[in-house]
Amino acid sequence: MTSLFDTITTFIGDLKSSELVLGLIGLILLIALLSTISKNLRLRDENGALQKDYAPRRKRVYQEYTNWLSDVYSPGVMDLTPDAQEALRMLSFDLTLWSSDRVIATLLELQKLLKSSDDIAPERFEKLMFQLLLSMRSDMGFSNKKMKWQKLREIVLLQR
């Protein structure tokens, strides 16, 4: 019984050097093609659109949201003036268009909380707000494995 190695060695030995070179070139091209296809597939979302095309838009929208947040939020206090509420409403359109499903779901929870009552529990609001920021970080490609919403809150508290 011949081993697979012996069979391959015999097959290669029977090939002419030009056939062997062409075969190796073909193999290298096939590997390069598969690598490119694989990379392209990883850059696409579930609808087939290139994620890298979303990045600049998401960055702009997420930056606008964090700017809005820094204007209306101080730890334990939300200053939601009518102008701030209108700014969030307008920003929500862009967030809904360019964000991932996870960001949109957290944004929806946050907006329901804001509409539910004038007396919002600061702890609940802060948790949702920082979870939204974590979702945005994830959406932009950052790993949140060691980052929890409490850690983001601590960073903000140190800045005030």
N, C-alpha and C. Protein backbone atom coordinates (compact mmCIF):
# COMPACT_ATOMS: atom_id res chain seq x y z
N MET A 1 0.85 -1.18 0.00
CA MET A 1 0.00 0.00 0.00
C MET A 1 0.89 1.24 0.00
N THR A 2 0.64 2.14 -0.93
CA THR A 2 1.44 3.36 -1.04
C THR A 2 0.80 4.47 -0.22
N SER A 3 1.69 5.23 0.39
CA SER A 3 1.20 6.35 1.20
C SER A 3 0.84 7.53 0.30
N LEU A 4 0.10 8.43 0.85
CA LEU A 4 -0.30 9.63 0.11
C LEU A 4 0.94 10.43 -0.30
N PHE A 5 1.91 10.50 0.59
CA PHE A 5 3.16 11.22 0.30
C PHE A 5 3.86 10.61 -0.91
N ASP A 6 3.94 9.26 -0.95
CA ASP A 6 4.59 8.58 -2.08
C ASP A 6 3.84 8.86 -3.38
N THR A 7 2.52 8.86 -3.32
CA THR A 7 1.70 9.11 -4.51
C THR A 7 1.95 10.53 -5.03
N ILE A 8 1.95 11.50 -4.12
CA ILE A 8 2.17 12.90 -4.52
C ILE A 8 3.59 13.06 -5.07
N THR A 9 4.57 12.46 -4.41
CA THR A 9 5.96 12.56 -4.87
C THR A 9 6.11 11.96 -6.26
N THR A 10 5.49 10.84 -6.51
CA THR A 10 5.54 10.21 -7.82
C THR A 10 4.87 11.09 -8.86
N PHE A 11 3.72 11.66 -8.50
CA PHE A 11 2.99 12.53 -9.43
C PHE A 11 3.83 13.75 -9.79
N ILE A 12 4.42 14.38 -8.80
CA ILE A 12 5.24 15.57 -9.04
C ILE A 12 6.49 15.20 -9.85
N GLY A 13 7.05 14.05 -9.56
CA GLY A 13 8.24 13.60 -10.29
C GLY A 13 7.94 13.38 -11.76
N ASP A 14 6.72 12.98 -12.10
CA ASP A 14 6.33 12.76 -13.49
C ASP A 14 6.06 14.06 -14.25
N LEU A 15 5.88 15.17 -13.52
CA LEU A 15 5.58 16.44 -14.17
C LEU A 15 6.84 17.07 -14.74
N LYS A 16 6.67 17.80 -15.81
CA LYS A 16 7.76 18.57 -16.36
C LYS A 16 7.93 19.81 -15.49
N SER A 17 9.11 20.36 -15.50
CA SER A 17 9.36 21.54 -14.65
C SER A 17 8.45 22.71 -15.02
N SER A 18 8.14 22.88 -16.29
CA SER A 18 7.26 23.99 -16.70
C SER A 18 5.84 23.77 -16.16
N GLU A 19 5.38 22.52 -16.13
CA GLU A 19 4.07 22.22 -15.58
C GLU A 19 4.04 22.47 -14.08
N LEU A 20 5.13 22.14 -13.43
CA LEU A 20 5.24 22.36 -11.99
C LEU A 20 5.22 23.85 -11.67
N VAL A 21 5.95 24.64 -12.43
CA VAL A 21 6.00 26.09 -12.22
C VAL A 21 4.61 26.69 -12.46
N LEU A 22 3.95 26.29 -13.54
CA LEU A 22 2.60 26.79 -13.83
C LEU A 22 1.62 26.39 -12.73
N GLY A 23 1.76 25.19 -12.23
CA GLY A 23 0.90 24.74 -11.14
C GLY A 23 1.10 25.56 -9.88
N LEU A 24 2.36 25.85 -9.55
CA LEU A 24 2.65 26.67 -8.37
C LEU A 24 2.13 28.09 -8.54
N ILE A 25 2.31 28.66 -9.73
CA ILE A 25 1.79 30.00 -10.00
C ILE A 25 0.26 30.00 -9.86
N GLY A 26 -0.38 28.99 -10.40
CA GLY A 26 -1.83 28.87 -10.28
C GLY A 26 -2.27 28.76 -8.84
N LEU A 27 -1.55 27.98 -8.05
CA LEU A 27 -1.86 27.82 -6.64
C LEU A 27 -1.71 29.14 -5.89
N ILE A 28 -0.64 29.87 -6.17
CA ILE A 28 -0.41 31.17 -5.53
C ILE A 28 -1.52 32.15 -5.90
N LEU A 29 -1.90 32.18 -7.17
CA LEU A 29 -2.99 33.06 -7.61
C LEU A 29 -4.31 32.68 -6.95
N LEU A 30 -4.57 31.40 -6.83
CA LEU A 30 -5.79 30.93 -6.18
C LEU A 30 -5.82 31.36 -4.71
N ILE A 31 -4.72 31.23 -4.02
CA ILE A 31 -4.64 31.64 -2.61
C ILE A 31 -4.84 33.15 -2.50
N ALA A 32 -4.23 33.93 -3.38
CA ALA A 32 -4.39 35.39 -3.36
C ALA A 32 -5.85 35.77 -3.62
N LEU A 33 -6.49 35.11 -4.57
CA LEU A 33 -7.89 35.38 -4.89
C LEU A 33 -8.79 35.06 -3.71
N LEU A 34 -8.59 33.90 -3.10
CA LEU A 34 -9.41 33.51 -1.94
C LEU A 34 -9.19 34.46 -0.77
N SER A 35 -7.97 34.91 -0.58
CA SER A 35 -7.66 35.87 0.49
C SER A 35 -8.40 37.18 0.25
N THR A 36 -8.38 37.67 -0.98
CA THR A 36 -9.07 38.92 -1.32
C THR A 36 -10.57 38.78 -1.13
N ILE A 37 -11.13 37.68 -1.58
CA ILE A 37 -12.57 37.44 -1.42
C ILE A 37 -12.93 37.37 0.05
N SER A 38 -12.14 36.67 0.83
CA SER A 38 -12.39 36.55 2.26
C SER A 38 -12.35 37.91 2.94
N LYS A 39 -11.35 38.72 2.61
CA LYS A 39 -11.24 40.05 3.20
C LYS A 39 -12.44 40.91 2.82
N ASN A 40 -12.85 40.84 1.58
CA ASN A 40 -13.99 41.61 1.10
C ASN A 40 -15.28 41.19 1.80
N LEU A 41 -15.45 39.90 2.01
CA LEU A 41 -16.65 39.42 2.69
C LEU A 41 -16.71 39.90 4.13
N ARG A 42 -15.57 39.96 4.80
CA ARG A 42 -15.54 40.43 6.18
C ARG A 42 -15.85 41.92 6.26
N LEU A 43 -15.59 42.67 5.20
CA LEU A 43 -15.86 44.10 5.19
C LEU A 43 -17.30 44.42 4.84
N ARG A 44 -18.08 43.42 4.51
CA ARG A 44 -19.46 43.67 4.13
C ARG A 44 -20.41 43.36 5.28
N ASP A 45 -21.49 44.13 5.34
CA ASP A 45 -22.49 43.86 6.37
C ASP A 45 -23.47 42.82 5.86
N GLU A 46 -24.54 42.59 6.61
CA GLU A 46 -25.50 41.55 6.25
C GLU A 46 -26.24 41.85 4.95
N ASN A 47 -26.26 43.11 4.51
CA ASN A 47 -26.93 43.48 3.27
C ASN A 47 -25.97 43.56 2.09
N GLY A 48 -24.69 43.28 2.32
CA GLY A 48 -23.72 43.26 1.24
C GLY A 48 -23.03 44.60 0.99
N ALA A 49 -23.38 45.63 1.75
CA ALA A 49 -22.74 46.92 1.57
C ALA A 49 -21.39 46.93 2.28
N LEU A 50 -20.45 47.65 1.72
CA LEU A 50 -19.12 47.71 2.33
C LEU A 50 -19.17 48.52 3.62
N GLN A 51 -18.71 47.90 4.71
CA GLN A 51 -18.71 48.57 6.00
C GLN A 51 -17.79 49.77 6.03
N LYS A 52 -16.69 49.71 5.29
CA LYS A 52 -15.75 50.83 5.31
C LYS A 52 -16.41 52.09 4.75
N ASP A 53 -17.43 51.95 3.89
CA ASP A 53 -18.16 53.10 3.38
C ASP A 53 -18.98 53.75 4.48
N TYR A 54 -19.39 52.98 5.47
CA TYR A 54 -20.19 53.50 6.57
C TYR A 54 -19.34 54.25 7.58
N ALA A 55 -18.10 53.87 7.73
CA ALA A 55 -17.27 54.39 8.82
C ALA A 55 -17.22 55.91 8.90
N PRO A 56 -16.96 56.64 7.82
CA PRO A 56 -16.91 58.10 7.94
C PRO A 56 -18.25 58.70 8.37
N ARG A 57 -19.33 58.14 7.84
CA ARG A 57 -20.66 58.65 8.20
C ARG A 57 -20.98 58.35 9.66
N ARG A 58 -20.69 57.12 10.06
CA ARG A 58 -20.93 56.75 11.46
C ARG A 58 -20.09 57.62 12.39
N LYS A 59 -18.84 57.83 12.02
CA LYS A 59 -17.96 58.64 12.86
C LYS A 59 -18.55 60.04 13.04
N ARG A 60 -19.00 60.64 11.95
CA ARG A 60 -19.59 61.99 12.02
C ARG A 60 -20.83 62.00 12.91
N VAL A 61 -21.72 61.05 12.70
CA VAL A 61 -22.97 61.00 13.47
C VAL A 61 -22.67 60.72 14.94
N TYR A 62 -21.77 59.79 15.20
CA TYR A 62 -21.45 59.46 16.59
C TYR A 62 -20.77 60.63 17.27
N GLN A 63 -19.95 61.37 16.53
CA GLN A 63 -19.31 62.56 17.11
C GLN A 63 -20.36 63.61 17.43
N GLU A 64 -21.33 63.80 16.56
CA GLU A 64 -22.40 64.75 16.83
C GLU A 64 -23.19 64.34 18.07
N TYR A 65 -23.43 63.05 18.21
CA TYR A 65 -24.15 62.57 19.39
C TYR A 65 -23.35 62.82 20.67
N THR A 66 -22.06 62.52 20.65
CA THR A 66 -21.26 62.74 21.85
C THR A 66 -21.14 64.23 22.16
N ASN A 67 -21.11 65.08 21.14
CA ASN A 67 -21.12 66.53 21.37
C ASN A 67 -22.43 66.95 22.03
N TRP A 68 -23.54 66.43 21.50
CA TRP A 68 -24.84 66.73 22.10
C TRP A 68 -24.87 66.28 23.56
N LEU A 69 -24.37 65.09 23.79
CA LEU A 69 -24.37 64.52 25.13
C LEU A 69 -23.54 65.36 26.10
N SER A 70 -22.40 65.82 25.64
CA SER A 70 -21.55 66.63 26.53
C SER A 70 -22.21 67.97 26.85
N ASP A 71 -23.10 68.44 25.98
CA ASP A 71 -23.81 69.70 26.24
C ASP A 71 -24.94 69.53 27.26
N VAL A 72 -25.58 68.37 27.28
CA VAL A 72 -26.77 68.21 28.12
C VAL A 72 -26.56 67.36 29.37
N TYR A 73 -25.43 66.69 29.46
CA TYR A 73 -25.23 65.75 30.57
C TYR A 73 -24.09 66.17 31.49
N SER A 74 -24.41 66.15 32.76
CA SER A 74 -23.42 66.20 33.84
C SER A 74 -23.80 65.05 34.75
N PRO A 75 -22.85 64.38 35.35
CA PRO A 75 -23.18 63.21 36.17
C PRO A 75 -24.33 63.49 37.14
N GLY A 76 -25.38 62.70 36.96
CA GLY A 76 -26.56 62.82 37.82
C GLY A 76 -27.54 63.88 37.36
N VAL A 77 -27.21 64.66 36.33
CA VAL A 77 -28.08 65.75 35.88
C VAL A 77 -28.20 65.73 34.36
N MET A 78 -29.44 65.78 33.88
CA MET A 78 -29.70 65.92 32.45
C MET A 78 -30.39 67.24 32.24
N ASP A 79 -29.84 68.08 31.38
CA ASP A 79 -30.43 69.38 31.08
C ASP A 79 -31.09 69.29 29.71
N LEU A 80 -32.29 68.70 29.67
CA LEU A 80 -32.98 68.48 28.40
C LEU A 80 -33.94 69.63 28.12
N THR A 81 -33.39 70.72 27.64
CA THR A 81 -34.19 71.85 27.24
C THR A 81 -34.96 71.47 25.97
N PRO A 82 -35.99 72.23 25.62
CA PRO A 82 -36.68 71.95 24.35
C PRO A 82 -35.73 71.94 23.15
N ASP A 83 -34.75 72.83 23.15
CA ASP A 83 -33.77 72.85 22.05
C ASP A 83 -32.93 71.57 22.03
N ALA A 84 -32.54 71.09 23.21
CA ALA A 84 -31.76 69.86 23.30
C ALA A 84 -32.58 68.66 22.84
N GLN A 85 -33.86 68.65 23.18
CA GLN A 85 -34.73 67.55 22.75
C GLN A 85 -34.90 67.57 21.24
N GLU A 86 -35.04 68.75 20.67
CA GLU A 86 -35.17 68.86 19.21
C GLU A 86 -33.87 68.43 18.52
N ALA A 87 -32.74 68.81 19.09
CA ALA A 87 -31.45 68.41 18.52
C ALA A 87 -31.30 66.89 18.54
N LEU A 88 -31.72 66.25 19.61
CA LEU A 88 -31.67 64.78 19.69
C LEU A 88 -32.62 64.16 18.68
N ARG A 89 -33.80 64.74 18.53
CA ARG A 89 -34.77 64.22 17.55
C ARG A 89 -34.17 64.24 16.15
N MET A 90 -33.53 65.35 15.78
CA MET A 90 -32.92 65.46 14.45
C MET A 90 -31.73 64.50 14.32
N LEU A 91 -30.95 64.40 15.35
CA LEU A 91 -29.79 63.51 15.35
C LEU A 91 -30.23 62.05 15.26
N SER A 92 -31.38 61.74 15.81
CA SER A 92 -31.89 60.36 15.80
C SER A 92 -32.11 59.84 14.39
N PHE A 93 -32.47 60.74 13.47
CA PHE A 93 -32.66 60.30 12.08
C PHE A 93 -31.34 59.77 11.51
N ASP A 94 -30.26 60.52 11.71
CA ASP A 94 -28.96 60.07 11.21
C ASP A 94 -28.49 58.82 11.94
N LEU A 95 -28.71 58.78 13.25
CA LEU A 95 -28.32 57.59 14.02
C LEU A 95 -29.06 56.37 13.52
N THR A 96 -30.34 56.52 13.23
CA THR A 96 -31.14 55.39 12.74
C THR A 96 -30.68 54.94 11.36
N LEU A 97 -30.27 55.88 10.54
CA LEU A 97 -29.84 55.54 9.18
C LEU A 97 -28.48 54.85 9.15
N TRP A 98 -27.52 55.31 9.93
CA TRP A 98 -26.14 54.86 9.80
C TRP A 98 -25.67 53.89 10.86
N SER A 99 -26.46 53.64 11.88
CA SER A 99 -26.01 52.79 12.99
C SER A 99 -26.38 51.33 12.78
N SER A 100 -25.70 50.50 13.55
CA SER A 100 -26.02 49.06 13.54
C SER A 100 -27.32 48.82 14.31
N ASP A 101 -27.86 47.64 14.17
CA ASP A 101 -29.09 47.28 14.86
C ASP A 101 -28.95 47.42 16.37
N ARG A 102 -27.79 47.06 16.88
CA ARG A 102 -27.56 47.13 18.34
C ARG A 102 -27.60 48.57 18.84
N VAL A 103 -26.99 49.48 18.10
CA VAL A 103 -27.02 50.89 18.48
C VAL A 103 -28.46 51.41 18.42
N ILE A 104 -29.17 51.06 17.38
CA ILE A 104 -30.54 51.53 17.22
C ILE A 104 -31.43 51.00 18.36
N ALA A 105 -31.26 49.75 18.73
CA ALA A 105 -32.06 49.17 19.82
C ALA A 105 -31.80 49.91 21.14
N THR A 106 -30.54 50.21 21.43
CA THR A 106 -30.21 50.92 22.66
C THR A 106 -30.71 52.36 22.59
N LEU A 107 -30.60 53.00 21.43
CA LEU A 107 -31.11 54.35 21.24
C LEU A 107 -32.62 54.39 21.48
N LEU A 108 -33.32 53.39 20.99
CA LEU A 108 -34.77 53.32 21.18
C LEU A 108 -35.12 53.21 22.66
N GLU A 109 -34.39 52.37 23.38
CA GLU A 109 -34.62 52.25 24.83
C GLU A 109 -34.40 53.59 25.52
N LEU A 110 -33.34 54.27 25.13
CA LEU A 110 -33.01 55.55 25.73
C LEU A 110 -34.10 56.58 25.43
N GLN A 111 -34.58 56.62 24.20
CA GLN A 111 -35.62 57.58 23.84
C GLN A 111 -36.94 57.27 24.54
N LYS A 112 -37.27 55.99 24.69
CA LYS A 112 -38.48 55.63 25.43
C LYS A 112 -38.38 56.11 26.87
N LEU A 113 -37.21 55.94 27.45
CA LEU A 113 -37.00 56.40 28.82
C LEU A 113 -37.16 57.91 28.92
N LEU A 114 -36.59 58.65 27.97
CA LEU A 114 -36.69 60.10 27.99
C LEU A 114 -38.13 60.58 27.81
N LYS A 115 -38.93 59.86 27.05
CA LYS A 115 -40.32 60.25 26.82
C LYS A 115 -41.26 59.77 27.93
N SER A 116 -40.82 58.79 28.70
CA SER A 116 -41.71 58.16 29.68
C SER A 116 -42.08 59.07 30.84
N SER A 117 -41.18 59.97 31.20
CA SER A 117 -41.44 60.76 32.39
C SER A 117 -40.50 61.96 32.45
N ASP A 118 -40.96 62.98 33.17
CA ASP A 118 -40.08 64.13 33.41
C ASP A 118 -39.08 63.81 34.51
N ASP A 119 -39.44 62.85 35.36
CA ASP A 119 -38.60 62.48 36.48
C ASP A 119 -37.87 61.17 36.15
N ILE A 120 -36.76 61.29 35.46
CA ILE A 120 -36.01 60.12 34.99
C ILE A 120 -34.99 59.73 36.05
N ALA A 121 -34.94 58.44 36.37
CA ALA A 121 -33.94 57.95 37.31
C ALA A 121 -32.56 58.11 36.68
N PRO A 122 -31.68 58.91 37.28
CA PRO A 122 -30.37 59.16 36.68
C PRO A 122 -29.56 57.88 36.44
N GLU A 123 -29.68 56.91 37.34
CA GLU A 123 -28.91 55.67 37.19
C GLU A 123 -29.33 54.92 35.92
N ARG A 124 -30.64 54.85 35.69
CA ARG A 124 -31.14 54.14 34.50
C ARG A 124 -30.71 54.86 33.23
N PHE A 125 -30.83 56.20 33.24
CA PHE A 125 -30.43 56.98 32.08
C PHE A 125 -28.94 56.80 31.80
N GLU A 126 -28.11 56.92 32.85
CA GLU A 126 -26.67 56.80 32.66
C GLU A 126 -26.28 55.44 32.11
N LYS A 127 -26.91 54.40 32.63
CA LYS A 127 -26.59 53.05 32.15
C LYS A 127 -26.90 52.94 30.66
N LEU A 128 -28.08 53.38 30.24
CA LEU A 128 -28.44 53.31 28.82
C LEU A 128 -27.53 54.19 27.96
N MET A 129 -27.23 55.38 28.46
CA MET A 129 -26.40 56.30 27.70
C MET A 129 -25.01 55.72 27.46
N PHE A 130 -24.43 55.15 28.51
CA PHE A 130 -23.09 54.59 28.35
C PHE A 130 -23.11 53.26 27.60
N GLN A 131 -24.21 52.52 27.69
CA GLN A 131 -24.34 51.32 26.87
C GLN A 131 -24.42 51.71 25.39
N LEU A 132 -25.10 52.83 25.12
CA LEU A 132 -25.17 53.32 23.75
C LEU A 132 -23.76 53.69 23.25
N LEU A 133 -22.98 54.35 24.09
CA LEU A 133 -21.61 54.69 23.69
C LEU A 133 -20.78 53.43 23.45
N LEU A 134 -20.96 52.41 24.28
CA LEU A 134 -20.24 51.15 24.05
C LEU A 134 -20.66 50.51 22.73
N SER A 135 -21.95 50.55 22.43
CA SER A 135 -22.43 50.01 21.15
C SER A 135 -21.83 50.77 19.98
N MET A 136 -21.72 52.07 20.13
CA MET A 136 -21.11 52.89 19.07
C MET A 136 -19.64 52.54 18.90
N ARG A 137 -18.94 52.35 20.01
CA ARG A 137 -17.53 51.95 19.93
C ARG A 137 -17.40 50.62 19.17
N SER A 138 -18.26 49.69 19.51
CA SER A 138 -18.24 48.39 18.85
C SER A 138 -18.54 48.54 17.37
N ASP A 139 -19.49 49.39 17.06
CA ASP A 139 -19.87 49.67 15.68
C ASP A 139 -18.71 50.24 14.87
N MET A 140 -17.83 50.97 15.53
CA MET A 140 -16.68 51.57 14.86
C MET A 140 -15.49 50.62 14.81
N GLY A 141 -15.66 49.40 15.37
CA GLY A 141 -14.62 48.39 15.26
C GLY A 141 -13.77 48.22 16.50
N PHE A 142 -14.09 48.94 17.58
CA PHE A 142 -13.31 48.80 18.81
C PHE A 142 -13.82 47.61 19.62
N SER A 143 -12.92 47.00 20.33
CA SER A 143 -13.28 45.89 21.20
C SER A 143 -13.69 46.45 22.56
N ASN A 144 -14.77 45.94 23.09
CA ASN A 144 -15.24 46.37 24.40
C ASN A 144 -15.12 45.24 25.42
N LYS A 145 -14.25 44.28 25.15
CA LYS A 145 -14.15 43.12 26.02
C LYS A 145 -13.86 43.50 27.47
N LYS A 146 -12.98 44.47 27.65
CA LYS A 146 -12.61 44.86 29.01
C LYS A 146 -13.28 46.17 29.41
N MET A 147 -14.14 46.70 28.56
CA MET A 147 -14.78 47.98 28.81
C MET A 147 -16.24 47.75 29.19
N LYS A 148 -16.64 48.27 30.32
CA LYS A 148 -18.02 48.21 30.77
C LYS A 148 -18.55 49.64 30.85
N TRP A 149 -19.86 49.77 30.89
CA TRP A 149 -20.45 51.10 30.91
C TRP A 149 -20.01 51.89 32.15
N GLN A 150 -19.78 51.20 33.25
CA GLN A 150 -19.35 51.88 34.47
C GLN A 150 -17.97 52.53 34.28
N LYS A 151 -17.12 51.89 33.49
CA LYS A 151 -15.78 52.42 33.21
C LYS A 151 -15.89 53.72 32.40
N LEU A 152 -16.79 53.75 31.42
CA LEU A 152 -17.00 54.98 30.65
C LEU A 152 -17.53 56.10 31.56
N ARG A 153 -18.42 55.74 32.46
CA ARG A 153 -18.97 56.73 33.40
C ARG A 153 -17.85 57.30 34.26
N GLU A 154 -16.97 56.44 34.72
CA GLU A 154 -15.85 56.88 35.54
C GLU A 154 -14.96 57.86 34.77
N ILE A 155 -14.73 57.60 33.50
CA ILE A 155 -13.92 58.49 32.67
C ILE A 155 -14.58 59.86 32.57
N VAL A 156 -15.89 59.88 32.36
CA VAL A 156 -16.62 61.15 32.25
C VAL A 156 -16.59 61.90 33.58
N LEU A 157 -16.77 61.16 34.68
CA LEU A 157 -16.75 61.81 36.00
C LEU A 157 -15.41 62.46 36.28
N LEU A 158 -14.35 61.86 35.83
CA LEU A 158 -13.02 62.44 36.06
C LEU A 158 -12.82 63.73 35.26
N GLN A 159 -13.59 63.92 34.19
CA GLN A 159 -13.45 65.10 33.35
C GLN A 159 -14.24 66.28 33.88
N ARG A 160 -15.13 66.05 34.81
CA ARG A 160 -16.01 67.15 35.31
C ARG A 160 -15.39 67.83 36.51
